[in-house]
């Protein structure tokens, strides 16, 4: 039974979702372990939503320590069809100023230690990721920024690094030479897994600072960054509320059928354990085969 239709993932500075009514918490176990925290369910702008603090309340997990598979699978278990992910990022372009929001439409992966797929161990699937963001949600988020009075910029590339250290100046300048727009440590794995789970996904990237490439970087204090984080979190809550209120009731994109032609493994050769582990994702594609057996 569906418990939520829209998922909100909160990043650095956003550990709760003000405005929720009928709030209740639910702790989930998934075939991939425990998510970062309990999911907070409630009604926001008349829609049923599920909020998850990406790093856990109290910010307890490093980016590399996050159980991305559990976090996304938990959303799927709750019936979520769309995820709006909020995250703090550094800017790699002068035009993206602290306090701006960027809604990227591309990612570049610079991580090395992360599991980014539900598949393997007997099941092979290759989903299309040319366009890793759901354009439908991205448009809604962009319009929500405008309505909330926040500078929101549609499009751009998010380079996802391993962390937890920030970039060296050489790395920062390299990413700039590639034309990257913002830099962060979390969103690419979420985008990949959401696509495999056939959940629409978009990122609301909150700029807190210029990365170390900027000539005035050393003049930015920790206090300033924390101040930007706090203000960004307040703005993010406004944008999320506007986005949830205007989210279409039905999906007009192709995210919900991402696995239709992606499963390469012969259905009859999928191990029983894998079928069980992936049943929530594969059930609708395995049933016709079983019915013919």
Protein backbone atom coordinates (compact mmCIF):
# COMPACT_ATOMS: atom_id res chain seq x y z
CA UNK A 1 0.00 0.00 0.00
CA UNK A 2 1.35 3.39 -0.98
CA UNK A 3 2.31 5.53 1.99
CA UNK A 4 3.83 8.45 0.08
CA UNK A 5 3.94 9.70 -3.51
CA UNK A 6 6.74 12.27 -3.31
CA UNK A 7 10.10 11.76 -1.61
CA UNK A 8 12.27 14.58 -0.28
CA UNK A 9 15.93 13.90 0.51
CA UNK A 10 17.50 16.60 2.66
CA UNK A 11 21.22 17.28 2.53
CA UNK A 12 23.65 19.36 4.58
CA UNK A 13 21.68 21.93 6.57
CA UNK A 14 18.27 20.39 5.85
CA UNK A 15 17.52 17.70 8.40
CA UNK A 16 13.75 18.13 8.70
CA UNK A 17 10.81 19.36 6.62
CA UNK A 18 8.79 22.14 8.28
CA UNK A 19 5.13 22.34 7.34
CA UNK A 20 4.39 18.61 7.42
CA UNK A 21 1.09 17.68 9.06
CA UNK A 22 0.03 14.29 10.35
CA UNK A 23 3.67 13.51 10.95
CA UNK A 24 4.74 9.96 11.68
CA UNK A 25 8.05 8.17 11.48
CA UNK A 26 8.75 4.77 10.02
CA UNK A 27 11.98 2.79 10.24
CA UNK A 28 12.56 0.47 7.32
CA UNK A 29 14.82 -2.44 6.61
CA UNK A 30 15.68 -3.14 3.01
CA UNK A 31 17.42 -6.03 1.21
CA UNK A 32 20.42 -3.69 1.13
CA UNK A 33 20.51 -2.77 4.81
CA UNK A 34 19.25 0.19 6.79
CA UNK A 35 18.64 3.67 5.35
CA UNK A 36 20.33 6.76 6.82
CA UNK A 37 17.48 7.43 9.24
CA UNK A 38 13.78 6.91 9.82
CA UNK A 39 11.53 8.26 7.06
CA UNK A 40 9.31 11.10 8.21
CA UNK A 41 5.91 10.79 6.57
CA UNK A 42 3.20 13.42 6.45
CA UNK A 43 1.06 15.69 4.32
CA UNK A 44 2.58 18.74 2.65
CA UNK A 45 0.46 21.03 0.49
CA UNK A 46 -2.17 18.30 0.29
CA UNK A 47 0.26 15.64 -0.97
CA UNK A 48 1.64 12.62 0.86
CA UNK A 49 5.40 12.95 1.19
CA UNK A 50 8.29 11.06 2.77
CA UNK A 51 11.31 12.99 4.05
CA UNK A 52 14.74 11.45 4.66
CA UNK A 53 17.78 13.16 6.14
CA UNK A 54 20.52 11.95 3.80
CA UNK A 55 23.32 12.08 6.36
CA UNK A 56 21.07 11.11 9.27
CA UNK A 57 19.80 13.59 11.81
CA UNK A 58 22.82 15.08 13.50
CA UNK A 59 24.81 14.62 10.26
CA UNK A 60 26.39 11.29 11.22
CA UNK A 61 27.44 9.77 7.89
CA UNK A 62 30.20 10.72 5.49
CA UNK A 63 29.19 10.79 1.81
CA UNK A 64 31.08 7.54 1.19
CA UNK A 65 29.40 5.91 4.21
CA UNK A 66 25.88 6.56 2.91
CA UNK A 67 23.85 3.48 2.06
CA UNK A 68 22.47 4.92 -1.16
CA UNK A 69 20.81 1.66 -2.17
CA UNK A 70 18.90 1.41 1.10
CA UNK A 71 17.86 5.07 0.96
CA UNK A 72 16.37 4.76 -2.54
CA UNK A 73 14.94 1.28 -2.00
CA UNK A 74 13.20 2.56 1.14
CA UNK A 75 11.53 5.26 -0.94
CA UNK A 76 10.39 2.59 -3.37
CA UNK A 77 8.98 0.52 -0.49
CA UNK A 78 6.91 3.52 0.56
CA UNK A 79 5.44 3.84 -2.93
CA UNK A 80 7.31 7.02 -3.83
CA UNK A 81 7.27 7.82 -7.55
CA UNK A 82 9.18 11.12 -7.51
CA UNK A 83 12.19 12.30 -5.51
CA UNK A 84 13.33 15.89 -5.11
CA UNK A 85 16.83 15.83 -3.65
CA UNK A 86 18.24 18.87 -1.85
CA UNK A 87 22.00 19.22 -1.44
CA UNK A 88 24.69 21.77 -0.62
CA UNK A 89 27.25 22.36 -3.37
CA UNK A 90 30.22 24.51 -4.24
CA UNK A 91 30.16 26.71 -7.33
CA UNK A 92 32.63 26.24 -10.18
CA UNK A 93 31.45 29.27 -12.12
CA UNK A 94 31.35 32.93 -11.16
CA UNK A 95 27.75 33.14 -12.32
CA UNK A 96 26.54 30.65 -9.70
CA UNK A 97 26.72 32.72 -6.55
CA UNK A 98 26.32 31.65 -2.92
CA UNK A 99 22.60 31.46 -2.11
CA UNK A 100 21.72 30.59 -5.74
CA UNK A 101 20.03 27.29 -6.51
CA UNK A 102 21.09 25.23 -9.52
CA UNK A 103 18.96 22.44 -10.98
CA UNK A 104 21.57 20.38 -12.88
CA UNK A 105 20.62 18.18 -15.78
CA UNK A 106 23.93 16.30 -16.07
CA UNK A 107 26.44 14.57 -13.78
CA UNK A 108 30.08 13.54 -13.97
CA UNK A 109 31.27 10.77 -11.66
CA UNK A 110 34.60 11.18 -9.85
CA UNK A 111 33.84 8.73 -7.04
CA UNK A 112 35.81 5.53 -6.52
CA UNK A 113 34.44 3.59 -3.55
CA UNK A 114 30.68 3.40 -4.03
CA UNK A 115 28.10 0.87 -5.12
CA UNK A 116 25.85 2.60 -7.64
CA UNK A 117 23.53 -0.21 -8.77
CA UNK A 118 20.97 -2.59 -7.33
CA UNK A 119 22.04 -5.23 -9.82
CA UNK A 120 24.78 -7.83 -9.96
CA UNK A 121 25.06 -11.22 -8.24
CA UNK A 122 23.24 -13.01 -11.03
CA UNK A 123 21.19 -10.20 -12.60
CA UNK A 124 22.49 -7.80 -15.25
CA UNK A 125 20.59 -4.63 -16.18
CA UNK A 126 21.71 -1.55 -18.08
CA UNK A 127 19.39 1.44 -17.73
CA UNK A 128 19.70 4.48 -19.98
CA UNK A 129 21.25 7.46 -18.19
CA UNK A 130 21.93 9.90 -21.01
CA UNK A 131 19.50 12.25 -19.29
CA UNK A 132 19.92 11.40 -15.59
CA UNK A 133 17.39 13.94 -14.33
CA UNK A 134 13.63 13.77 -14.80
CA UNK A 135 12.87 16.85 -16.92
CA UNK A 136 9.32 16.96 -15.59
CA UNK A 137 10.42 17.40 -11.96
CA UNK A 138 13.23 19.75 -12.96
CA UNK A 139 10.72 22.09 -14.64
CA UNK A 140 8.52 22.01 -11.56
CA UNK A 141 11.50 22.79 -9.31
CA UNK A 142 12.57 25.68 -11.54
CA UNK A 143 9.10 27.21 -11.48
CA UNK A 144 8.98 26.69 -7.70
CA UNK A 145 12.20 28.69 -7.29
CA UNK A 146 10.66 31.58 -9.16
CA UNK A 147 7.47 31.41 -7.11
CA UNK A 148 9.44 31.29 -3.86
CA UNK A 149 11.57 34.28 -4.84
CA UNK A 150 14.80 32.26 -4.99
CA UNK A 151 17.33 32.49 -7.81
CA UNK A 152 17.05 29.11 -9.50
CA UNK A 153 19.09 28.22 -12.57
CA UNK A 154 17.92 25.44 -14.84
CA UNK A 155 20.56 23.13 -16.29
CA UNK A 156 24.27 22.57 -15.75
CA UNK A 157 26.61 19.78 -14.73
CA UNK A 158 27.21 18.51 -11.20
CA UNK A 159 30.59 16.84 -10.70
CA UNK A 160 30.34 14.28 -7.90
CA UNK A 161 33.59 13.69 -5.97
CA UNK A 162 34.43 11.08 -3.37
CA UNK A 163 35.29 13.37 -0.46
CA UNK A 164 35.13 13.83 2.41
CA UNK A 165 37.95 16.25 1.66
CA UNK A 166 37.18 19.17 -0.61
CA UNK A 167 39.07 19.49 -3.89
CA UNK A 168 42.64 20.59 -4.29
CA UNK A 169 43.03 23.84 -6.22
CA UNK A 170 44.39 21.85 -9.18
CA UNK A 171 41.32 19.60 -9.19
CA UNK A 172 38.99 22.56 -8.87
CA UNK A 173 40.60 24.26 -11.86
CA UNK A 174 40.49 21.00 -13.82
CA UNK A 175 36.74 20.70 -13.27
CA UNK A 176 36.34 24.31 -14.36
CA UNK A 177 38.27 23.59 -17.54
CA UNK A 178 35.79 20.76 -18.22
CA UNK A 179 32.89 23.22 -17.96
CA UNK A 180 31.43 21.82 -14.75
CA UNK A 181 28.94 24.06 -12.92
CA UNK A 182 28.75 22.80 -9.33
CA UNK A 183 30.59 20.29 -7.18
CA UNK A 184 29.19 17.94 -4.55
CA UNK A 185 29.61 14.50 -3.02
CA UNK A 186 26.26 12.70 -3.05
CA UNK A 187 23.75 13.15 -5.83
CA UNK A 188 25.02 11.00 -8.68
CA UNK A 189 24.51 7.68 -6.90
CA UNK A 190 20.98 8.75 -5.97
CA UNK A 191 20.22 9.61 -9.59
CA UNK A 192 21.54 6.28 -10.88
CA UNK A 193 19.66 4.22 -8.32
CA UNK A 194 16.44 6.20 -8.68
CA UNK A 195 16.51 5.46 -12.42
CA UNK A 196 16.98 1.74 -11.74
CA UNK A 197 14.08 1.90 -9.26
CA UNK A 198 11.98 3.68 -11.91
CA UNK A 199 11.57 6.73 -9.66
CA UNK A 200 11.70 10.23 -11.13
CA UNK A 201 14.61 12.23 -9.69
CA UNK A 202 15.84 15.80 -9.72
CA UNK A 203 18.38 17.76 -7.69
CA UNK A 204 17.99 21.14 -6.04
CA UNK A 205 21.64 22.13 -5.58
CA UNK A 206 22.10 24.94 -3.05
CA UNK A 207 25.30 26.95 -3.58
CA UNK A 208 27.05 27.68 -0.27
CA UNK A 209 30.43 28.90 -1.54
CA UNK A 210 32.78 29.18 -4.47
CA UNK A 211 35.10 26.21 -4.58
CA UNK A 212 38.80 26.80 -3.88
CA UNK A 213 39.47 28.02 -7.45
CA UNK A 214 38.05 31.44 -6.61
CA UNK A 215 40.62 34.18 -5.84
CA UNK A 216 38.59 35.26 -2.80
CA UNK A 217 38.15 31.70 -1.53
CA UNK A 218 40.43 32.19 1.46
CA UNK A 219 38.37 35.20 2.53
CA UNK A 220 35.30 32.99 3.04
CA UNK A 221 34.94 32.04 6.68
CA UNK A 222 33.37 28.95 8.21
CA UNK A 223 30.81 31.23 9.83
CA UNK A 224 29.81 32.57 6.42
CA UNK A 225 29.39 29.09 4.97
CA UNK A 226 27.25 28.02 7.93
CA UNK A 227 25.18 31.18 7.53
CA UNK A 228 24.64 30.37 3.85
CA UNK A 229 23.71 26.79 4.77
CA UNK A 230 21.09 28.02 7.21
CA UNK A 231 19.60 30.53 4.80
CA UNK A 232 19.70 28.02 1.95
CA UNK A 233 17.83 25.48 4.09
CA UNK A 234 15.10 28.03 4.78
CA UNK A 235 14.84 28.84 1.08
CA UNK A 236 14.85 25.15 0.19
CA UNK A 237 11.84 24.55 2.41
CA UNK A 238 9.94 27.29 0.57
CA UNK A 239 10.92 25.89 -2.83
CA UNK A 240 10.06 22.31 -1.86
CA UNK A 241 6.61 23.36 -0.64
CA UNK A 242 5.94 25.20 -3.91
CA UNK A 243 7.23 22.24 -5.92
CA UNK A 244 5.12 19.71 -4.04
CA UNK A 245 2.02 21.89 -4.44
CA UNK A 246 2.43 22.09 -8.21
CA UNK A 247 3.67 18.55 -8.91
CA UNK A 248 1.48 16.89 -11.57
CA UNK A 249 -0.73 14.12 -10.21
CA UNK A 250 0.38 11.68 -12.89
CA UNK A 251 3.76 11.13 -14.50
CA UNK A 252 4.18 12.06 -18.14
CA UNK A 253 7.80 10.93 -18.40
CA UNK A 254 9.47 7.59 -19.16
CA UNK A 255 11.16 7.14 -15.77
CA UNK A 256 8.49 4.65 -14.68
CA UNK A 257 9.50 2.16 -17.39
CA UNK A 258 13.29 2.51 -17.23
CA UNK A 259 13.78 -1.24 -16.70
CA UNK A 260 11.47 -2.39 -19.47
CA UNK A 261 14.28 -3.22 -21.90
CA UNK A 262 17.21 -2.99 -19.48
CA UNK A 263 17.24 -6.50 -17.99
CA UNK A 264 19.73 -8.59 -19.95
CA UNK A 265 19.68 -11.78 -17.91
CA UNK A 266 17.58 -14.72 -19.08
CA UNK A 267 14.60 -14.70 -16.73
CA UNK A 268 14.89 -18.43 -16.18
CA UNK A 269 18.50 -18.05 -15.03
CA UNK A 270 17.96 -15.38 -12.41
CA UNK A 271 18.98 -16.92 -9.05
CA UNK A 272 16.20 -17.32 -6.51
CA UNK A 273 18.05 -15.16 -3.99
CA UNK A 274 18.41 -12.37 -6.55
CA UNK A 275 14.73 -12.61 -7.46
CA UNK A 276 13.85 -12.19 -3.82
CA UNK A 277 16.27 -9.33 -3.24
CA UNK A 278 15.09 -7.45 -6.32
CA UNK A 279 11.42 -8.42 -6.24
CA UNK A 280 10.20 -4.87 -5.65
CA UNK A 281 12.02 -3.69 -8.78
CA UNK A 282 11.56 -6.71 -11.04
CA UNK A 283 8.15 -8.09 -10.08
CA UNK A 284 6.19 -6.51 -12.93
CA UNK A 285 8.74 -7.71 -15.48
CA UNK A 286 9.00 -11.26 -14.16
CA UNK A 287 5.28 -11.96 -13.75
CA UNK A 288 4.50 -12.34 -17.46
CA UNK A 289 7.29 -14.91 -17.79
CA UNK A 290 5.99 -16.83 -14.81
CA UNK A 291 2.45 -16.75 -16.14
CA UNK A 292 3.60 -18.38 -19.38
CA UNK A 293 5.55 -21.08 -17.53
